[in-house]
C-alpha cells in the first residue's frame, strides 16, 4: 500500500517537468453569507462517481493522441509518460478513497472531515480565507460562484485541488479532485458524487481501486 508521503516522494523523483502545475485562478471570496451550505453527512454514490480505471485509460489515450504517439491499435502512451502519470493517479486514488464526508459549517468556517484522511479546513475572516499549514502542505480556499475550492500545495510542485458543489435541493454533493505535479505530463482528475443522509452505521465498506474494481467488505478495508 502506498502512503501519502511515499507517493509524494515518488512524484518528486519521477523526472523533470514537462508542463507547469495546474493553476487555480479567479477563485473569489464572499461578502455577506457564504454562497453555499455544505453541512451534513454524505455517503458516496458509486453509480455516478468516476471509475478510476476508465479515467486513467482516457487520460493515457488523450496524452498519446496529443503527442502523436500511435501504436498498432491506435494512440498509445509511451512507457515514460505512463511511469510519470501512474504515481499521480495512485495519489488521487488514495486521497479520494473515502466514501464518507462529514461537513460542519458555521458563519466563518467550513470543516470537511474525511474518514481515514486528514480534514480540510476553510476559515474565513471578513469573507477572505486565511491560508493554513497542515502536516503535509499549505492549504487555501476560495469560491467559484457557489462552488467551494480548496487548494493544497505540497513540497516540490505537487498541488491538489478539491471543488465542492451541492445540487439546488442540497441532497447531492459533487467533489472534483485534480492533482498536478511538476513530474507528471498532465494533471489527473476524478469526480465523485455523494448523497446527504442521516448518519447511521453501514453494513458494508466499499472503495474503488486502480488495480482492482470496486471492492466491498463487512469490515475495514486495507489495501
Protein backbone atom coordinates (compact mmCIF):
# COMPACT_ATOMS: atom_id res chain seq x y z
CA UNK A 1 0.00 0.00 0.00
CA UNK A 2 1.33 3.42 -0.92
CA UNK A 3 1.32 6.08 1.78
CA UNK A 4 0.73 9.75 1.01
CA UNK A 5 4.31 10.67 1.89
CA UNK A 6 5.63 7.75 -0.13
CA UNK A 7 3.70 8.86 -3.18
CA UNK A 8 4.92 12.43 -2.78
CA UNK A 9 8.49 11.16 -2.66
CA UNK A 10 7.90 9.02 -5.76
CA UNK A 11 6.48 12.01 -7.62
CA UNK A 12 9.46 14.14 -6.66
CA UNK A 13 11.88 11.55 -8.04
CA UNK A 14 9.95 10.66 -11.19
CA UNK A 15 11.71 13.09 -13.52
CA UNK A 16 11.81 16.63 -14.86
CA UNK A 17 8.75 18.74 -15.52
CA UNK A 18 7.24 18.89 -18.98
CA UNK A 19 4.29 21.12 -18.04
CA UNK A 20 3.70 23.60 -15.25
CA UNK A 21 1.45 22.67 -12.35
CA UNK A 22 -2.25 23.29 -12.77
CA UNK A 23 -3.02 26.89 -11.86
CA UNK A 24 -6.14 27.83 -9.94
CA UNK A 25 -7.01 31.39 -10.80
CA UNK A 26 -10.08 33.51 -10.31
CA UNK A 27 -11.25 31.95 -7.05
CA UNK A 28 -13.04 34.69 -5.13
CA UNK A 29 -14.18 35.47 -1.65
CA UNK A 30 -17.64 36.44 -0.45
CA UNK A 31 -19.50 39.36 1.01
CA UNK A 32 -22.28 38.54 3.47
CA UNK A 33 -23.37 34.93 3.85
CA UNK A 34 -21.39 32.04 2.38
CA UNK A 35 -22.53 31.24 -1.18
CA UNK A 36 -23.47 27.63 -0.31
CA UNK A 37 -24.23 25.35 2.63
CA UNK A 38 -22.33 22.02 2.61
CA UNK A 39 -23.13 20.91 6.15
CA UNK A 40 -24.29 17.35 6.66
CA UNK A 41 -23.24 13.72 6.46
CA UNK A 42 -22.52 12.49 2.93
CA UNK A 43 -22.00 8.98 1.50
CA UNK A 44 -20.52 8.06 -1.87
CA UNK A 45 -22.79 7.41 -4.86
CA UNK A 46 -20.73 4.80 -6.67
CA UNK A 47 -23.11 4.61 -9.62
CA UNK A 48 -22.42 8.24 -10.61
CA UNK A 49 -18.82 8.55 -9.46
CA UNK A 50 -15.91 8.15 -11.85
CA UNK A 51 -14.31 4.75 -12.32
CA UNK A 52 -10.61 5.35 -11.83
CA UNK A 53 -9.58 2.68 -14.34
CA UNK A 54 -11.65 4.30 -17.10
CA UNK A 55 -10.38 7.76 -16.22
CA UNK A 56 -6.79 6.52 -16.34
CA UNK A 57 -7.34 4.84 -19.71
CA UNK A 58 -8.89 8.02 -21.13
CA UNK A 59 -6.05 10.14 -19.74
CA UNK A 60 -3.35 7.97 -21.33
CA UNK A 61 -5.27 7.88 -24.63
CA UNK A 62 -5.59 11.67 -24.76
CA UNK A 63 -1.94 12.09 -23.77
CA UNK A 64 -0.82 9.76 -26.55
CA UNK A 65 -3.10 11.47 -29.06
CA UNK A 66 -1.71 14.90 -28.23
CA UNK A 67 1.84 13.61 -28.53
CA UNK A 68 1.03 11.88 -31.83
CA UNK A 69 2.17 8.52 -30.43
CA UNK A 70 0.38 5.82 -32.40
CA UNK A 71 0.58 2.08 -31.94
CA UNK A 72 -0.95 -0.87 -33.81
CA UNK A 73 -4.29 -0.34 -32.03
CA UNK A 74 -4.27 3.46 -32.12
CA UNK A 75 -2.80 6.15 -29.82
CA UNK A 76 -0.58 4.60 -27.17
CA UNK A 77 1.23 6.48 -24.39
CA UNK A 78 4.96 5.89 -24.06
CA UNK A 79 6.39 3.93 -21.14
CA UNK A 80 8.00 7.13 -19.88
CA UNK A 81 4.70 9.02 -19.85
CA UNK A 82 2.94 6.08 -18.21
CA UNK A 83 5.58 5.81 -15.47
CA UNK A 84 5.16 9.52 -14.71
CA UNK A 85 1.35 9.53 -14.74
CA UNK A 86 0.77 6.37 -12.68
CA UNK A 87 2.10 7.87 -9.40
CA UNK A 88 -0.24 10.86 -9.77
CA UNK A 89 -3.21 8.59 -10.50
CA UNK A 90 -2.41 6.44 -7.46
CA UNK A 91 -2.14 9.57 -5.33
CA UNK A 92 -5.60 10.75 -6.43
CA UNK A 93 -6.93 7.26 -5.80
CA UNK A 94 -5.56 7.39 -2.28
CA UNK A 95 -6.77 10.85 -1.30
CA UNK A 96 -10.28 10.29 -2.73
CA UNK A 97 -10.85 6.80 -1.39
CA UNK A 98 -13.08 7.87 1.50
CA UNK A 99 -16.76 7.07 0.98
CA UNK A 100 -17.99 9.27 3.84
CA UNK A 101 -17.76 13.02 4.40
CA UNK A 102 -18.89 14.88 7.50
CA UNK A 103 -19.09 18.61 6.83
CA UNK A 104 -19.63 21.18 9.57
CA UNK A 105 -20.25 24.79 8.65
CA UNK A 106 -20.60 27.98 10.65
CA UNK A 107 -20.78 31.63 9.68
CA UNK A 108 -17.00 31.74 9.32
CA UNK A 109 -15.69 28.18 8.94
CA UNK A 110 -16.15 25.01 6.91
CA UNK A 111 -14.68 21.77 8.24
CA UNK A 112 -14.67 18.77 5.90
CA UNK A 113 -13.88 15.57 7.77
CA UNK A 114 -12.89 12.64 5.56
CA UNK A 115 -12.82 9.17 7.04
CA UNK A 116 -9.29 7.72 7.02
CA UNK A 117 -7.78 11.02 5.87
CA UNK A 118 -6.93 14.43 7.29
CA UNK A 119 -9.70 17.02 7.43
CA UNK A 120 -9.91 20.09 5.20
CA UNK A 121 -10.49 23.40 6.96
CA UNK A 122 -11.61 26.67 5.39
CA UNK A 123 -11.65 29.62 7.80
CA UNK A 124 -12.93 32.96 6.50
CA UNK A 125 -12.45 36.38 8.07
CA UNK A 126 -14.48 39.23 6.55
CA UNK A 127 -15.18 36.87 3.65
CA UNK A 128 -11.47 36.24 2.95
CA UNK A 129 -9.97 32.81 3.55
CA UNK A 130 -6.90 32.57 5.74
CA UNK A 131 -4.28 30.11 4.40
CA UNK A 132 -3.33 27.41 6.89
CA UNK A 133 -0.46 24.97 7.19
CA UNK A 134 -1.22 21.30 7.82
CA UNK A 135 1.00 18.27 8.28
CA UNK A 136 1.56 17.94 4.53
CA UNK A 137 1.49 21.42 2.98
CA UNK A 138 -0.23 24.81 2.73
CA UNK A 139 -3.99 24.93 2.31
CA UNK A 140 -6.08 27.83 0.98
CA UNK A 141 -9.73 28.23 -0.02
CA UNK A 142 -11.92 30.37 -2.21
CA UNK A 143 -15.15 30.42 -4.18
CA UNK A 144 -16.00 29.86 -7.82
CA UNK A 145 -19.61 31.02 -7.82
CA UNK A 146 -21.33 28.69 -5.35
CA UNK A 147 -18.54 26.12 -5.57
CA UNK A 148 -16.05 25.88 -2.73
CA UNK A 149 -12.45 25.46 -3.94
CA UNK A 150 -9.82 24.01 -1.61
CA UNK A 151 -6.20 24.15 -2.78
CA UNK A 152 -3.35 22.34 -1.03
CA UNK A 153 0.22 22.98 -2.17
CA UNK A 154 2.71 20.29 -1.21
CA UNK A 155 6.50 20.45 -1.46
CA UNK A 156 8.25 20.19 -4.84
CA UNK A 157 5.45 21.33 -7.13
CA UNK A 158 2.61 18.99 -6.11
CA UNK A 159 -0.84 20.60 -5.94
CA UNK A 160 -4.23 19.08 -5.05
CA UNK A 161 -7.45 20.96 -5.78
CA UNK A 162 -10.89 19.93 -4.47
CA UNK A 163 -14.05 21.57 -5.83
CA UNK A 164 -17.27 21.09 -3.86
CA UNK A 165 -20.75 21.83 -5.22
CA UNK A 166 -24.21 20.84 -3.99
CA UNK A 167 -27.37 20.36 -6.00
CA UNK A 168 -30.10 23.00 -5.65
CA UNK A 169 -32.04 20.82 -3.21
CA UNK A 170 -28.83 20.06 -1.21
CA UNK A 171 -29.43 16.33 -1.50
CA UNK A 172 -26.35 15.64 -3.63
CA UNK A 173 -22.74 16.78 -3.45
CA UNK A 174 -20.20 16.70 -6.27
CA UNK A 175 -16.48 16.69 -5.44
CA UNK A 176 -13.97 17.15 -8.25
CA UNK A 177 -10.37 16.39 -7.27
CA UNK A 178 -7.46 17.38 -9.50
CA UNK A 179 -3.82 16.68 -8.75
CA UNK A 180 -0.93 18.13 -10.73
CA UNK A 181 2.80 17.79 -10.34
CA UNK A 182 5.97 19.09 -11.91
CA UNK A 183 6.83 15.44 -12.58
CA UNK A 184 3.61 14.40 -14.35
CA UNK A 185 2.94 15.17 -18.04
CA UNK A 186 -0.73 16.06 -17.35
CA UNK A 187 -2.98 16.63 -14.30
CA UNK A 188 -5.24 13.80 -13.13
CA UNK A 189 -8.89 14.41 -12.20
CA UNK A 190 -11.59 12.29 -10.54
CA UNK A 191 -15.23 13.22 -9.93
CA UNK A 192 -17.16 11.71 -7.04
CA UNK A 193 -20.81 12.18 -6.07
CA UNK A 194 -22.32 11.89 -2.61
CA UNK A 195 -25.82 11.68 -1.12
CA UNK A 196 -26.74 13.59 2.05
CA UNK A 197 -28.14 11.09 4.57
CA UNK A 198 -28.76 10.63 8.26
CA UNK A 199 -25.64 9.24 9.88
CA UNK A 200 -26.24 5.57 10.63
CA UNK A 201 -23.84 2.59 10.77
CA UNK A 202 -23.45 0.91 7.39
CA UNK A 203 -23.22 -2.82 6.70
CA UNK A 204 -20.53 -2.68 4.04
CA UNK A 205 -17.28 -0.83 3.39
CA UNK A 206 -16.59 -0.17 -0.32
CA UNK A 207 -13.79 1.52 -2.25
CA UNK A 208 -12.68 1.85 -5.88
CA UNK A 209 -9.08 0.97 -6.73
CA UNK A 210 -6.82 1.48 -9.73
CA UNK A 211 -5.56 -2.10 -9.63
CA UNK A 212 -8.94 -3.71 -8.89
CA UNK A 213 -12.56 -2.87 -9.47
CA UNK A 214 -14.97 -1.95 -6.69
CA UNK A 215 -14.05 -3.82 -3.51
CA UNK A 216 -16.50 -4.29 -0.62
CA UNK A 217 -16.17 -5.85 2.79
CA UNK A 218 -18.16 -6.17 6.01
CA UNK A 219 -15.11 -4.79 7.89
CA UNK A 220 -12.42 -2.15 7.40
CA UNK A 221 -10.64 -2.43 4.05
CA UNK A 222 -6.84 -2.29 3.91
CA UNK A 223 -5.13 -2.36 0.51
